[in-house]
Structures are given as C-alpha cells and as structure tokens.
Amino acid sequence: MQELYNLGGRQFILAGLPPFGCIPLQITLSGDLERGCVDEQNSEAQVYNSKLQKLIPTLQGSLRGSKIVYLNAYEAFTVILQGTNKYGTFSSNVMIPNLYLAKWTPLRSLILHISFL
C-alpha cells in the first residue's frame, strides 16, 4: 500500500477474507459427510478480518490524505450463500463451484452480489 501511495494513490479498498470454509474444495477435504462449511477456517477468516479492520485507522493515519475503506467480502459471500434461491440457484453446492471455477476472489464475490441486486 505504501508503494501505491508513493505513486500517488490516495483511495484504497482493503478486502477482508471470505468464508474459505465454504469453498467446495475445503468442504470436501474436511471429510464432513453433511457437506457443511468448515467452521474453523471461517472463524480464522473472521479473526483476520477483525484485525484488518482495526488496522485501517492506523494505516490511514500514516498515509496523509488517504482514504481507506474496508470491503466486507465475508459478509458479501455469506449473503450469496444464504440467498442462493433468491439468486437463481438451488443450493450453495451448485453456486459455489461456479464461482470457484471462475477464479473466485473477494472482489468478484462482491461484484456478483451487487449485480444480482
């Protein structure tokens, strides 16, 4: 971020982590026969996101004139997972692989969420 700031960047979006425990590969690797999200991985993502959010004021203070916004990718992805019928799919197991195969990123998740509104 410092390098972008040095190049003239003043507005930044820091994206948090999504619920990685809900990615089909992670669900499969967990061996859970019920095919549920891996809670431990999701908890770790939430801890990281909390720390990132707390760091933003410090970062913004050290980069004079900057504006840093936190993008809650975890929440955006969760909204998609919980509303799969609303977005035209029948289960999260159908929707998530499509996102994963499309080289899913937190920003892509948010863009997909917004595009469905």
PDB file of N, CA and C in Angstrom:
ATOM      1  N   MET A   1       0.827  -1.175   0.000  1.00  0.00           N
ATOM      2  CA  MET A   1       0.000   0.000   0.000  1.00  0.00           C
ATOM      3  C   MET A   1       0.879   1.248   0.000  1.00  0.00           C
ATOM      4  N   GLN A   2       1.971   1.177   0.736  1.00  0.00           N
ATOM      5  CA  GLN A   2       2.890   2.317   0.781  1.00  0.00           C
ATOM      6  C   GLN A   2       3.411   2.634  -0.615  1.00  0.00           C
ATOM      7  N   GLU A   3       3.721   1.619  -1.384  1.00  0.00           N
ATOM      8  CA  GLU A   3       4.228   1.843  -2.737  1.00  0.00           C
ATOM      9  C   GLU A   3       3.171   2.500  -3.623  1.00  0.00           C
ATOM     10  N   LEU A   4       1.933   2.063  -3.502  1.00  0.00           N
ATOM     11  CA  LEU A   4       0.857   2.693  -4.274  1.00  0.00           C
ATOM     12  C   LEU A   4       0.662   4.145  -3.840  1.00  0.00           C
ATOM     13  N   TYR A   5       0.762   4.386  -2.541  1.00  0.00           N
ATOM     14  CA  TYR A   5       0.658   5.743  -2.014  1.00  0.00           C
ATOM     15  C   TYR A   5       1.773   6.613  -2.590  1.00  0.00           C
ATOM     16  N   ASN A   6       2.989   6.073  -2.618  1.00  0.00           N
ATOM     17  CA  ASN A   6       4.134   6.812  -3.164  1.00  0.00           C
ATOM     18  C   ASN A   6       3.961   7.122  -4.645  1.00  0.00           C
ATOM     19  N   LEU A   7       3.182   6.312  -5.326  1.00  0.00           N
ATOM     20  CA  LEU A   7       2.911   6.531  -6.753  1.00  0.00           C
ATOM     21  C   LEU A   7       1.725   7.467  -6.978  1.00  0.00           C
ATOM     22  N   GLY A   8       1.121   7.953  -5.883  1.00  0.00           N
ATOM     23  CA  GLY A   8       0.030   8.915  -5.999  1.00  0.00           C
ATOM     24  C   GLY A   8      -1.329   8.391  -5.581  1.00  0.00           C
ATOM     25  N   GLY A   9      -1.417   7.133  -5.239  1.00  0.00           N
ATOM     26  CA  GLY A   9      -2.695   6.571  -4.802  1.00  0.00           C
ATOM     27  C   GLY A   9      -3.139   7.172  -3.479  1.00  0.00           C
ATOM     28  N   ARG A  10      -4.402   7.533  -3.380  1.00  0.00           N
ATOM     29  CA  ARG A  10      -4.921   8.111  -2.141  1.00  0.00           C
ATOM     30  C   ARG A  10      -6.201   7.425  -1.676  1.00  0.00           C
ATOM     31  N   GLN A  11      -6.845   6.689  -2.529  1.00  0.00           N
ATOM     32  CA  GLN A  11      -8.080   5.998  -2.162  1.00  0.00           C
ATOM     33  C   GLN A  11      -7.859   4.499  -2.333  1.00  0.00           C
ATOM     34  N   PHE A  12      -8.092   3.765  -1.244  1.00  0.00           N
ATOM     35  CA  PHE A  12      -7.818   2.337  -1.230  1.00  0.00           C
ATOM     36  C   PHE A  12      -9.005   1.564  -0.680  1.00  0.00           C
ATOM     37  N   ILE A  13      -9.177   0.362  -1.193  1.00  0.00           N
ATOM     38  CA  ILE A  13     -10.151  -0.580  -0.651  1.00  0.00           C
ATOM     39  C   ILE A  13      -9.369  -1.795  -0.180  1.00  0.00           C
ATOM     40  N   LEU A  14      -9.516  -2.124   1.098  1.00  0.00           N
ATOM     41  CA  LEU A  14      -8.906  -3.337   1.630  1.00  0.00           C
ATOM     42  C   LEU A  14     -10.010  -4.369   1.823  1.00  0.00           C
ATOM     43  N   ALA A  15      -9.918  -5.458   1.102  1.00  0.00           N
ATOM     44  CA  ALA A  15     -10.925  -6.508   1.177  1.00  0.00           C
ATOM     45  C   ALA A  15     -10.542  -7.529   2.235  1.00  0.00           C
ATOM     46  N   GLY A  16     -11.499  -7.859   3.065  1.00  0.00           N
ATOM     47  CA  GLY A  16     -11.294  -8.913   4.042  1.00  0.00           C
ATOM     48  C   GLY A  16     -11.377 -10.270   3.366  1.00  0.00           C
ATOM     49  N   LEU A  17     -11.128 -11.295   4.148  1.00  0.00           N
ATOM     50  CA  LEU A  17     -11.191 -12.653   3.622  1.00  0.00           C
ATOM     51  C   LEU A  17     -12.630 -13.141   3.562  1.00  0.00           C
ATOM     52  N   PRO A  18     -12.950 -13.969   2.590  1.00  0.00           N
ATOM     53  CA  PRO A  18     -14.275 -14.585   2.523  1.00  0.00           C
ATOM     54  C   PRO A  18     -14.322 -15.803   3.441  1.00  0.00           C
ATOM     55  N   PRO A  19     -15.475 -16.430   3.583  1.00  0.00           N
ATOM     56  CA  PRO A  19     -15.552 -17.661   4.381  1.00  0.00           C
ATOM     57  C   PRO A  19     -14.963 -18.830   3.593  1.00  0.00           C
ATOM     58  N   PHE A  20     -13.640 -18.962   3.639  1.00  0.00           N
ATOM     59  CA  PHE A  20     -12.960 -20.005   2.876  1.00  0.00           C
ATOM     60  C   PHE A  20     -13.459 -21.400   3.226  1.00  0.00           C
ATOM     61  N   GLY A  21     -13.987 -21.564   4.427  1.00  0.00           N
ATOM     62  CA  GLY A  21     -14.501 -22.869   4.837  1.00  0.00           C
ATOM     63  C   GLY A  21     -15.735 -23.294   4.069  1.00  0.00           C
ATOM     64  N   CYS A  22     -16.286 -22.418   3.247  1.00  0.00           N
ATOM     65  CA  CYS A  22     -17.474 -22.746   2.448  1.00  0.00           C
ATOM     66  C   CYS A  22     -17.130 -23.024   0.987  1.00  0.00           C
ATOM     67  N   ILE A  23     -15.855 -23.008   0.652  1.00  0.00           N
ATOM     68  CA  ILE A  23     -15.435 -23.333  -0.709  1.00  0.00           C
ATOM     69  C   ILE A  23     -15.511 -24.847  -0.860  1.00  0.00           C
ATOM     70  N   PRO A  24     -16.069 -25.345  -1.950  1.00  0.00           N
ATOM     71  CA  PRO A  24     -16.261 -26.796  -2.115  1.00  0.00           C
ATOM     72  C   PRO A  24     -15.007 -27.625  -1.866  1.00  0.00           C
ATOM     73  N   LEU A  25     -13.857 -27.161  -2.293  1.00  0.00           N
ATOM     74  CA  LEU A  25     -12.631 -27.916  -2.062  1.00  0.00           C
ATOM     75  C   LEU A  25     -12.385 -28.107  -0.565  1.00  0.00           C
ATOM     76  N   GLN A  26     -12.569 -27.041   0.221  1.00  0.00           N
ATOM     77  CA  GLN A  26     -12.347 -27.129   1.665  1.00  0.00           C
ATOM     78  C   GLN A  26     -13.377 -28.032   2.327  1.00  0.00           C
ATOM     79  N   ILE A  27     -14.608 -27.964   1.854  1.00  0.00           N
ATOM     80  CA  ILE A  27     -15.665 -28.827   2.399  1.00  0.00           C
ATOM     81  C   ILE A  27     -15.333 -30.283   2.102  1.00  0.00           C
ATOM     82  N   THR A  28     -14.894 -30.559   0.888  1.00  0.00           N
ATOM     83  CA  THR A  28     -14.539 -31.925   0.507  1.00  0.00           C
ATOM     84  C   THR A  28     -13.354 -32.432   1.322  1.00  0.00           C
ATOM     85  N   LEU A  29     -12.318 -31.607   1.458  1.00  0.00           N
ATOM     86  CA  LEU A  29     -11.134 -32.010   2.206  1.00  0.00           C
ATOM     87  C   LEU A  29     -11.426 -32.249   3.688  1.00  0.00           C
ATOM     88  N   SER A  30     -12.457 -31.594   4.203  1.00  0.00           N
ATOM     89  CA  SER A  30     -12.785 -31.758   5.625  1.00  0.00           C
ATOM     90  C   SER A  30     -13.358 -33.141   5.918  1.00  0.00           C
ATOM     91  N   GLY A  31     -13.911 -33.802   4.904  1.00  0.00           N
ATOM     92  CA  GLY A  31     -14.485 -35.133   5.096  1.00  0.00           C
ATOM     93  C   GLY A  31     -15.844 -35.120   5.764  1.00  0.00           C
ATOM     94  N   ASP A  32     -16.443 -33.948   5.922  1.00  0.00           N
ATOM     95  CA  ASP A  32     -17.764 -33.841   6.549  1.00  0.00           C
ATOM     96  C   ASP A  32     -18.812 -34.439   5.620  1.00  0.00           C
ATOM     97  N   LEU A  33     -19.468 -35.502   6.065  1.00  0.00           N
ATOM     98  CA  LEU A  33     -20.457 -36.176   5.232  1.00  0.00           C
ATOM     99  C   LEU A  33     -21.692 -35.317   4.974  1.00  0.00           C
ATOM    100  N   GLU A  34     -21.928 -34.345   5.859  1.00  0.00           N
ATOM    101  CA  GLU A  34     -23.083 -33.454   5.680  1.00  0.00           C
ATOM    102  C   GLU A  34     -22.776 -32.301   4.736  1.00  0.00           C
ATOM    103  N   ARG A  35     -21.517 -32.204   4.281  1.00  0.00           N
ATOM    104  CA  ARG A  35     -21.090 -31.184   3.321  1.00  0.00           C
ATOM    105  C   ARG A  35     -21.320 -29.764   3.838  1.00  0.00           C
ATOM    106  N   GLY A  36     -21.087 -29.555   5.118  1.00  0.00           N
ATOM    107  CA  GLY A  36     -21.231 -28.223   5.699  1.00  0.00           C
ATOM    108  C   GLY A  36     -19.933 -27.440   5.619  1.00  0.00           C
ATOM    109  N   CYS A  37     -20.030 -26.156   5.808  1.00  0.00           N
ATOM    110  CA  CYS A  37     -18.848 -25.294   5.814  1.00  0.00           C
ATOM    111  C   CYS A  37     -17.915 -25.685   6.962  1.00  0.00           C
ATOM    112  N   VAL A  38     -16.642 -25.433   6.784  1.00  0.00           N
ATOM    113  CA  VAL A  38     -15.632 -25.751   7.802  1.00  0.00           C
ATOM    114  C   VAL A  38     -15.541 -24.568   8.756  1.00  0.00           C
ATOM    115  N   ASP A  39     -16.143 -24.719   9.919  1.00  0.00           N
ATOM    116  CA  ASP A  39     -16.256 -23.618  10.877  1.00  0.00           C
ATOM    117  C   ASP A  39     -14.904 -23.077  11.318  1.00  0.00           C
ATOM    118  N   GLU A  40     -13.928 -23.938  11.520  1.00  0.00           N
ATOM    119  CA  GLU A  40     -12.615 -23.482  11.991  1.00  0.00           C
ATOM    120  C   GLU A  40     -11.983 -22.507  10.993  1.00  0.00           C
ATOM    121  N   GLN A  41     -12.070 -22.815   9.717  1.00  0.00           N
ATOM    122  CA  GLN A  41     -11.492 -21.922   8.707  1.00  0.00           C
ATOM    123  C   GLN A  41     -12.258 -20.610   8.632  1.00  0.00           C
ATOM    124  N   ASN A  42     -13.560 -20.680   8.774  1.00  0.00           N
ATOM    125  CA  ASN A  42     -14.357 -19.452   8.755  1.00  0.00           C
ATOM    126  C   ASN A  42     -14.054 -18.585   9.971  1.00  0.00           C
ATOM    127  N   SER A  43     -13.851 -19.218  11.127  1.00  0.00           N
ATOM    128  CA  SER A  43     -13.502 -18.464  12.335  1.00  0.00           C
ATOM    129  C   SER A  43     -12.160 -17.761  12.173  1.00  0.00           C
ATOM    130  N   GLU A  44     -11.199 -18.456  11.566  1.00  0.00           N
ATOM    131  CA  GLU A  44      -9.892 -17.854  11.338  1.00  0.00           C
ATOM    132  C   GLU A  44      -9.996 -16.654  10.391  1.00  0.00           C
ATOM    133  N   ALA A  45     -10.835 -16.767   9.384  1.00  0.00           N
ATOM    134  CA  ALA A  45     -11.037 -15.644   8.460  1.00  0.00           C
ATOM    135  C   ALA A  45     -11.647 -14.458   9.201  1.00  0.00           C
ATOM    136  N   GLN A  46     -12.593 -14.724  10.095  1.00  0.00           N
ATOM    137  CA  GLN A  46     -13.223 -13.644  10.845  1.00  0.00           C
ATOM    138  C   GLN A  46     -12.238 -12.960  11.794  1.00  0.00           C
ATOM    139  N   VAL A  47     -11.351 -13.727  12.411  1.00  0.00           N
ATOM    140  CA  VAL A  47     -10.325 -13.142  13.290  1.00  0.00           C
ATOM    141  C   VAL A  47      -9.411 -12.239  12.470  1.00  0.00           C
ATOM    142  N   TYR A  48      -8.970 -12.732  11.312  1.00  0.00           N
ATOM    143  CA  TYR A  48      -8.118 -11.926  10.434  1.00  0.00           C
ATOM    144  C   TYR A  48      -8.833 -10.638  10.027  1.00  0.00           C
ATOM    145  N   ASN A  49     -10.093 -10.750   9.626  1.00  0.00           N
ATOM    146  CA  ASN A  49     -10.855  -9.586   9.183  1.00  0.00           C
ATOM    147  C   ASN A  49     -10.995  -8.555  10.301  1.00  0.00           C
ATOM    148  N   SER A  50     -11.207  -9.028  11.507  1.00  0.00           N
ATOM    149  CA  SER A  50     -11.325  -8.120  12.650  1.00  0.00           C
ATOM    150  C   SER A  50     -10.028  -7.348  12.862  1.00  0.00           C
ATOM    151  N   LYS A  51      -8.904  -8.060  12.776  1.00  0.00           N
ATOM    152  CA  LYS A  51      -7.607  -7.404  12.943  1.00  0.00           C
ATOM    153  C   LYS A  51      -7.346  -6.414  11.812  1.00  0.00           C
ATOM    154  N   LEU A  52      -7.734  -6.777  10.599  1.00  0.00           N
ATOM    155  CA  LEU A  52      -7.546  -5.876   9.458  1.00  0.00           C
ATOM    156  C   LEU A  52      -8.355  -4.597   9.643  1.00  0.00           C
ATOM    157  N   GLN A  53      -9.597  -4.731  10.082  1.00  0.00           N
ATOM    158  CA  GLN A  53     -10.438  -3.555  10.298  1.00  0.00           C
ATOM    159  C   GLN A  53      -9.843  -2.627  11.360  1.00  0.00           C
ATOM    160  N   LYS A  54      -9.277  -3.208  12.409  1.00  0.00           N
ATOM    161  CA  LYS A  54      -8.678  -2.396  13.470  1.00  0.00           C
ATOM    162  C   LYS A  54      -7.404  -1.704  13.007  1.00  0.00           C
ATOM    163  N   LEU A  55      -6.756  -2.255  11.999  1.00  0.00           N
ATOM    164  CA  LEU A  55      -5.513  -1.695  11.481  1.00  0.00           C
ATOM    165  C   LEU A  55      -5.752  -0.496  10.556  1.00  0.00           C
ATOM    166  N   ILE A  56      -6.913  -0.405   9.969  1.00  0.00           N
ATOM    167  CA  ILE A  56      -7.189   0.628   8.960  1.00  0.00           C
ATOM    168  C   ILE A  56      -6.983   2.052   9.488  1.00  0.00           C
ATOM    169  N   PRO A  57      -7.482   2.421  10.660  1.00  0.00           N
ATOM    170  CA  PRO A  57      -7.231   3.795  11.129  1.00  0.00           C
ATOM    171  C   PRO A  57      -5.744   4.119  11.262  1.00  0.00           C
ATOM    172  N   THR A  58      -4.956   3.151  11.712  1.00  0.00           N
ATOM    173  CA  THR A  58      -3.512   3.358  11.835  1.00  0.00           C
ATOM    174  C   THR A  58      -2.884   3.574  10.463  1.00  0.00           C
ATOM    175  N   LEU A  59      -3.276   2.736   9.515  1.00  0.00           N
ATOM    176  CA  LEU A  59      -2.764   2.880   8.151  1.00  0.00           C
ATOM    177  C   LEU A  59      -3.136   4.237   7.572  1.00  0.00           C
ATOM    178  N   GLN A  60      -4.386   4.597   7.736  1.00  0.00           N
ATOM    179  CA  GLN A  60      -4.865   5.865   7.183  1.00  0.00           C
ATOM    180  C   GLN A  60      -4.132   7.042   7.826  1.00  0.00           C
ATOM    181  N   GLY A  61      -3.842   6.934   9.113  1.00  0.00           N
ATOM    182  CA  GLY A  61      -3.112   8.000   9.794  1.00  0.00           C
ATOM    183  C   GLY A  61      -1.678   8.133   9.309  1.00  0.00           C
ATOM    184  N   SER A  62      -1.092   7.029   8.886  1.00  0.00           N
ATOM    185  CA  SER A  62       0.301   7.082   8.430  1.00  0.00           C
ATOM    186  C   SER A  62       0.413   7.480   6.958  1.00  0.00           C
ATOM    187  N   LEU A  63      -0.689   7.464   6.244  1.00  0.00           N
ATOM    188  CA  LEU A  63      -0.695   7.852   4.827  1.00  0.00           C
ATOM    189  C   LEU A  63      -1.537   9.123   4.689  1.00  0.00           C
ATOM    190  N   ARG A  64      -0.915  10.270   4.929  1.00  0.00           N
ATOM    191  CA  ARG A  64      -1.633  11.549   4.953  1.00  0.00           C
ATOM    192  C   ARG A  64      -2.449  11.769   3.689  1.00  0.00           C
ATOM    193  N   GLY A  65      -3.695  12.178   3.900  1.00  0.00           N
ATOM    194  CA  GLY A  65      -4.578  12.477   2.781  1.00  0.00           C
ATOM    195  C   GLY A  65      -5.204  11.260   2.130  1.00  0.00           C
ATOM    196  N   SER A  66      -5.003  10.103   2.713  1.00  0.00           N
ATOM    197  CA  SER A  66      -5.558   8.887   2.113  1.00  0.00           C
ATOM    198  C   SER A  66      -6.937   8.577   2.677  1.00  0.00           C
ATOM    199  N   LYS A  67      -7.682   7.799   1.925  1.00  0.00           N
ATOM    200  CA  LYS A  67      -8.974   7.291   2.372  1.00  0.00           C
ATOM    201  C   LYS A  67      -8.937   5.788   2.155  1.00  0.00           C
ATOM    202  N   ILE A  68      -9.092   5.033   3.242  1.00  0.00           N
ATOM    203  CA  ILE A  68      -9.046   3.580   3.182  1.00  0.00           C
ATOM    204  C   ILE A  68     -10.391   3.038   3.641  1.00  0.00           C
ATOM    205  N   VAL A  69     -10.988   2.215   2.820  1.00  0.00           N
ATOM    206  CA  VAL A  69     -12.298   1.633   3.102  1.00  0.00           C
ATOM    207  C   VAL A  69     -12.152   0.120   3.202  1.00  0.00           C
ATOM    208  N   TYR A  70     -12.829  -0.460   4.171  1.00  0.00           N
ATOM    209  CA  TYR A  70     -12.824  -1.913   4.349  1.00  0.00           C
ATOM    210  C   TYR A  70     -13.975  -2.512   3.555  1.00  0.00           C
ATOM    211  N   LEU A  71     -13.673  -3.511   2.749  1.00  0.00           N
ATOM    212  CA  LEU A  71     -14.690  -4.225   1.976  1.00  0.00           C
ATOM    213  C   LEU A  71     -14.952  -5.552   2.677  1.00  0.00           C
ATOM    214  N   ASN A  72     -16.165  -5.749   3.136  1.00  0.00           N
ATOM    215  CA  ASN A  72     -16.517  -6.940   3.899  1.00  0.00           C
ATOM    216  C   ASN A  72     -16.877  -8.088   2.949  1.00  0.00           C
ATOM    217  N   ALA A  73     -15.850  -8.735   2.407  1.00  0.00           N
ATOM    218  CA  ALA A  73     -16.060  -9.848   1.482  1.00  0.00           C
ATOM    219  C   ALA A  73     -16.714 -11.029   2.187  1.00  0.00           C
ATOM    220  N   TYR A  74     -16.428 -11.191   3.450  1.00  0.00           N
ATOM    221  CA  TYR A  74     -17.027 -12.299   4.212  1.00  0.00           C
ATOM    222  C   TYR A  74     -18.548 -12.170   4.211  1.00  0.00           C
ATOM    223  N   GLU A  75     -19.016 -10.981   4.523  1.00  0.00           N
ATOM    224  CA  GLU A  75     -20.467 -10.748   4.578  1.00  0.00           C
ATOM    225  C   GLU A  75     -21.096 -10.856   3.197  1.00  0.00           C
ATOM    226  N   ALA A  76     -20.437 -10.309   2.187  1.00  0.00           N
ATOM    227  CA  ALA A  76     -20.985 -10.368   0.826  1.00  0.00           C
ATOM    228  C   ALA A  76     -21.144 -11.808   0.373  1.00  0.00           C
ATOM    229  N   PHE A  77     -20.146 -12.617   0.629  1.00  0.00           N
ATOM    230  CA  PHE A  77     -20.209 -14.021   0.226  1.00  0.00           C
ATOM    231  C   PHE A  77     -21.270 -14.761   1.034  1.00  0.00           C
ATOM    232  N   THR A  78     -21.374 -14.442   2.323  1.00  0.00           N
ATOM    233  CA  THR A  78     -22.373 -15.083   3.180  1.00  0.00           C
ATOM    234  C   THR A  78     -23.785 -14.766   2.701  1.00  0.00           C
ATOM    235  N   VAL A  79     -24.011 -13.530   2.294  1.00  0.00           N
ATOM    236  CA  VAL A  79     -25.332 -13.147   1.769  1.00  0.00           C
ATOM    237  C   VAL A  79     -25.665 -13.984   0.537  1.00  0.00           C
ATOM    238  N   ILE A  80     -24.688 -14.191  -0.318  1.00  0.00           N
ATOM    239  CA  ILE A  80     -24.914 -15.005  -1.510  1.00  0.00           C
ATOM    240  C   ILE A  80     -25.233 -16.438  -1.112  1.00  0.00           C
ATOM    241  N   LEU A  81     -24.468 -16.990  -0.169  1.00  0.00           N
ATOM    242  CA  LEU A  81     -24.696 -18.372   0.271  1.00  0.00           C
ATOM    243  C   LEU A  81     -26.076 -18.549   0.887  1.00  0.00           C
ATOM    244  N   GLN A  82     -26.492 -17.596   1.698  1.00  0.00           N
ATOM    245  CA  GLN A  82     -27.764 -17.717   2.393  1.00  0.00           C
ATOM    246  C   GLN A  82     -28.955 -17.431   1.488  1.00  0.00           C
ATOM    247  N   GLY A  83     -28.728 -16.758   0.383  1.00  0.00           N
ATOM    248  CA  GLY A  83     -29.831 -16.409  -0.508  1.00  0.00           C
ATOM    249  C   GLY A  83     -29.723 -17.055  -1.868  1.00  0.00           C
ATOM    250  N   THR A  84     -29.206 -18.294  -1.912  1.00  0.00           N
ATOM    251  CA  THR A  84     -28.971 -18.910  -3.213  1.00  0.00           C
ATOM    252  C   THR A  84     -30.250 -19.041  -4.038  1.00  0.00           C
ATOM    253  N   ASN A  85     -31.371 -19.347  -3.407  1.00  0.00           N
ATOM    254  CA  ASN A  85     -32.623 -19.430  -4.171  1.00  0.00           C
ATOM    255  C   ASN A  85     -33.008 -18.068  -4.735  1.00  0.00           C
ATOM    256  N   LYS A  86     -32.740 -17.023  -4.000  1.00  0.00           N
ATOM    257  CA  LYS A  86     -33.043 -15.663  -4.439  1.00  0.00           C
ATOM    258  C   LYS A  86     -32.257 -15.306  -5.695  1.00  0.00           C
ATOM    259  N   TYR A  87     -31.043 -15.870  -5.822  1.00  0.00           N
ATOM    260  CA  TYR A  87     -30.183 -15.538  -6.950  1.00  0.00           C
ATOM    261  C   TYR A  87     -30.253 -16.560  -8.077  1.00  0.00           C
ATOM    262  N   GLY A  88     -31.254 -17.432  -8.046  1.00  0.00           N
ATOM    263  CA  GLY A  88     -31.484 -18.318  -9.176  1.00  0.00           C
ATOM    264  C   GLY A  88     -30.777 -19.652  -9.125  1.00  0.00           C
ATOM    265  N   THR A  89     -30.276 -20.047  -7.975  1.00  0.00           N
ATOM    266  CA  THR A  89     -29.686 -21.376  -7.863  1.00  0.00           C
ATOM    267  C   THR A  89     -30.433 -22.149  -6.790  1.00  0.00           C
ATOM    268  N   PHE A  90     -30.218 -23.437  -6.744  1.00  0.00           N
ATOM    269  CA  PHE A  90     -30.987 -24.281  -5.848  1.00  0.00           C
ATOM    270  C   PHE A  90     -30.257 -24.652  -4.572  1.00  0.00           C
ATOM    271  N   SER A  91     -28.942 -24.630  -4.586  1.00  0.00           N
ATOM    272  CA  SER A  91     -28.180 -24.915  -3.371  1.00  0.00           C
ATOM    273  C   SER A  91     -26.812 -24.279  -3.487  1.00  0.00           C
ATOM    274  N   SER A  92     -26.182 -24.079  -2.330  1.00  0.00           N
ATOM    275  CA  SER A  92     -24.849 -23.489  -2.357  1.00  0.00           C
ATOM    276  C   SER A  92     -23.852 -24.410  -3.036  1.00  0.00           C
ATOM    277  N   ASN A  93     -24.106 -25.718  -3.040  1.00  0.00           N
ATOM    278  CA  ASN A  93     -23.197 -26.651  -3.703  1.00  0.00           C
ATOM    279  C   ASN A  93     -23.237 -26.496  -5.217  1.00  0.00           C
ATOM    280  N   VAL A  94     -24.302 -25.907  -5.742  1.00  0.00           N
ATOM    281  CA  VAL A  94     -24.369 -25.639  -7.175  1.00  0.00           C
ATOM    282  C   VAL A  94     -23.698 -24.315  -7.492  1.00  0.00           C
ATOM    283  N   MET A  95     -23.960 -23.316  -6.665  1.00  0.00           N
ATOM    284  CA  MET A  95     -23.468 -21.980  -6.964  1.00  0.00           C
ATOM    285  C   MET A  95     -21.975 -21.818  -6.717  1.00  0.00           C
ATOM    286  N   ILE A  96     -21.480 -22.295  -5.589  1.00  0.00           N
ATOM    287  CA  ILE A  96     -20.091 -22.044  -5.232  1.00  0.00           C
ATOM    288  C   ILE A  96     -19.109 -22.610  -6.250  1.00  0.00           C
ATOM    289  N   PRO A  97     -19.294 -23.833  -6.756  1.00  0.00           N
ATOM    290  CA  PRO A  97     -18.313 -24.309  -7.736  1.00  0.00           C
ATOM    291  C   PRO A  97     -18.196 -23.395  -8.942  1.00  0.00           C
ATOM    292  N   ASN A  98     -19.302 -22.802  -9.354  1.00  0.00           N
ATOM    293  CA  ASN A  98     -19.242 -21.885 -10.485  1.00  0.00           C
ATOM    294  C   ASN A  98     -18.371 -20.683 -10.170  1.00  0.00           C
ATOM    295  N   LEU A  99     -18.483 -20.145  -8.960  1.00  0.00           N
ATOM    296  CA  LEU A  99     -17.635 -19.031  -8.554  1.00  0.00           C
ATOM    297  C   LEU A  99     -16.183 -19.489  -8.442  1.00  0.00           C
ATOM    298  N   TYR A 100     -15.995 -20.669  -7.874  1.00  0.00           N
ATOM    299  CA  TYR A 100     -14.637 -21.169  -7.666  1.00  0.00           C
ATOM    300  C   TYR A 100     -13.949 -21.408  -9.003  1.00  0.00           C
ATOM    301  N   LEU A 101     -14.636 -22.005  -9.947  1.00  0.00           N
ATOM    302  CA  LEU A 101     -14.049 -22.264 -11.255  1.00  0.00           C
ATOM    303  C   LEU A 101     -13.801 -20.982 -12.038  1.00  0.00           C
ATOM    304  N   ALA A 102     -14.521 -19.925 -11.672  1.00  0.00           N
ATOM    305  CA  ALA A 102     -14.336 -18.645 -12.356  1.00  0.00           C
ATOM    306  C   ALA A 102     -13.219 -17.845 -11.688  1.00  0.00           C
ATOM    307  N   LYS A 103     -12.313 -18.530 -11.007  1.00  0.00           N
ATOM    308  CA  LYS A 103     -11.196 -17.887 -10.303  1.00  0.00           C
ATOM    309  C   LYS A 103     -11.723 -16.861  -9.315  1.00  0.00           C
ATOM    310  N   TRP A 104     -12.495 -17.342  -8.363  1.00  0.00           N
ATOM    311  CA  TRP A 104     -13.166 -16.525  -7.367  1.00  0.00           C
ATOM    312  C   TRP A 104     -12.183 -15.678  -6.582  1.00  0.00           C
ATOM    313  N   THR A 105     -12.546 -14.441  -6.363  1.00  0.00           N
ATOM    314  CA  THR A 105     -11.807 -13.537  -5.487  1.00  0.00           C
ATOM    315  C   THR A 105     -12.830 -12.798  -4.647  1.00  0.00           C
ATOM    316  N   PRO A 106     -12.410 -12.213  -3.522  1.00  0.00           N
ATOM    317  CA  PRO A 106     -13.379 -11.471  -2.709  1.00  0.00           C
ATOM    318  C   PRO A 106     -14.090 -10.368  -3.492  1.00  0.00           C
ATOM    319  N   LEU A 107     -13.358  -9.644  -4.345  1.00  0.00           N
ATOM    320  CA  LEU A 107     -13.982  -8.568  -5.094  1.00  0.00           C
ATOM    321  C   LEU A 107     -14.979  -9.128  -6.099  1.00  0.00           C
ATOM    322  N   ARG A 108     -14.658 -10.241  -6.737  1.00  0.00           N
ATOM    323  CA  ARG A 108     -15.584 -10.870  -7.677  1.00  0.00           C
ATOM    324  C   ARG A 108     -16.880 -11.225  -6.948  1.00  0.00           C
ATOM    325  N   SER A 109     -16.758 -11.731  -5.718  1.00  0.00           N
ATOM    326  CA  SER A 109     -17.927 -12.070  -4.932  1.00  0.00           C
ATOM    327  C   SER A 109     -18.811 -10.846  -4.731  1.00  0.00           C
ATOM    328  N   LEU A 110     -18.205  -9.732  -4.356  1.00  0.00           N
ATOM    329  CA  LEU A 110     -18.966  -8.513  -4.129  1.00  0.00           C
ATOM    330  C   LEU A 110     -19.615  -8.039  -5.423  1.00  0.00           C
ATOM    331  N   ILE A 111     -18.862  -8.082  -6.510  1.00  0.00           N
ATOM    332  CA  ILE A 111     -19.404  -7.656  -7.800  1.00  0.00           C
ATOM    333  C   ILE A 111     -20.576  -8.540  -8.195  1.00  0.00           C
ATOM    334  N   LEU A 112     -20.431  -9.851  -7.998  1.00  0.00           N
ATOM    335  CA  LEU A 112     -21.525 -10.758  -8.319  1.00  0.00           C
ATOM    336  C   LEU A 112     -22.738 -10.456  -7.427  1.00  0.00           C
ATOM    337  N   HIS A 113     -22.491 -10.205  -6.138  1.00  0.00           N
ATOM    338  CA  HIS A 113     -23.576  -9.897  -5.227  1.00  0.00           C
ATOM    339  C   HIS A 113     -24.309  -8.636  -5.677  1.00  0.00           C
ATOM    340  N   ILE A 114     -23.574  -7.591  -5.999  1.00  0.00           N
ATOM    341  CA  ILE A 114     -24.187  -6.328  -6.427  1.00  0.00           C
ATOM    342  C   ILE A 114     -24.948  -6.517  -7.723  1.00  0.00           C
ATOM    343  N   SER A 115     -24.400  -7.316  -8.625  1.00  0.00           N
ATOM    344  CA  SER A 115     -25.039  -7.476  -9.931  1.00  0.00           C
ATOM    345  C   SER A 115     -26.385  -8.200  -9.819  1.00  0.00           C
ATOM    346  N   PHE A 116     -26.577  -8.949  -8.725  1.00  0.00           N
ATOM    347  CA  PHE A 116     -27.828  -9.668  -8.553  1.00  0.00           C
ATOM    348  C   PHE A 116     -28.887  -8.825  -7.864  1.00  0.00           C
ATOM    349  N   LEU A 117     -28.524  -7.688  -7.308  1.00  0.00           N
ATOM    350  CA  LEU A 117     -29.490  -6.866  -6.569  1.00  0.00           C
ATOM    351  C   LEU A 117     -30.478  -6.203  -7.499  1.00  0.00           C
TER     352      LEU A 117
END
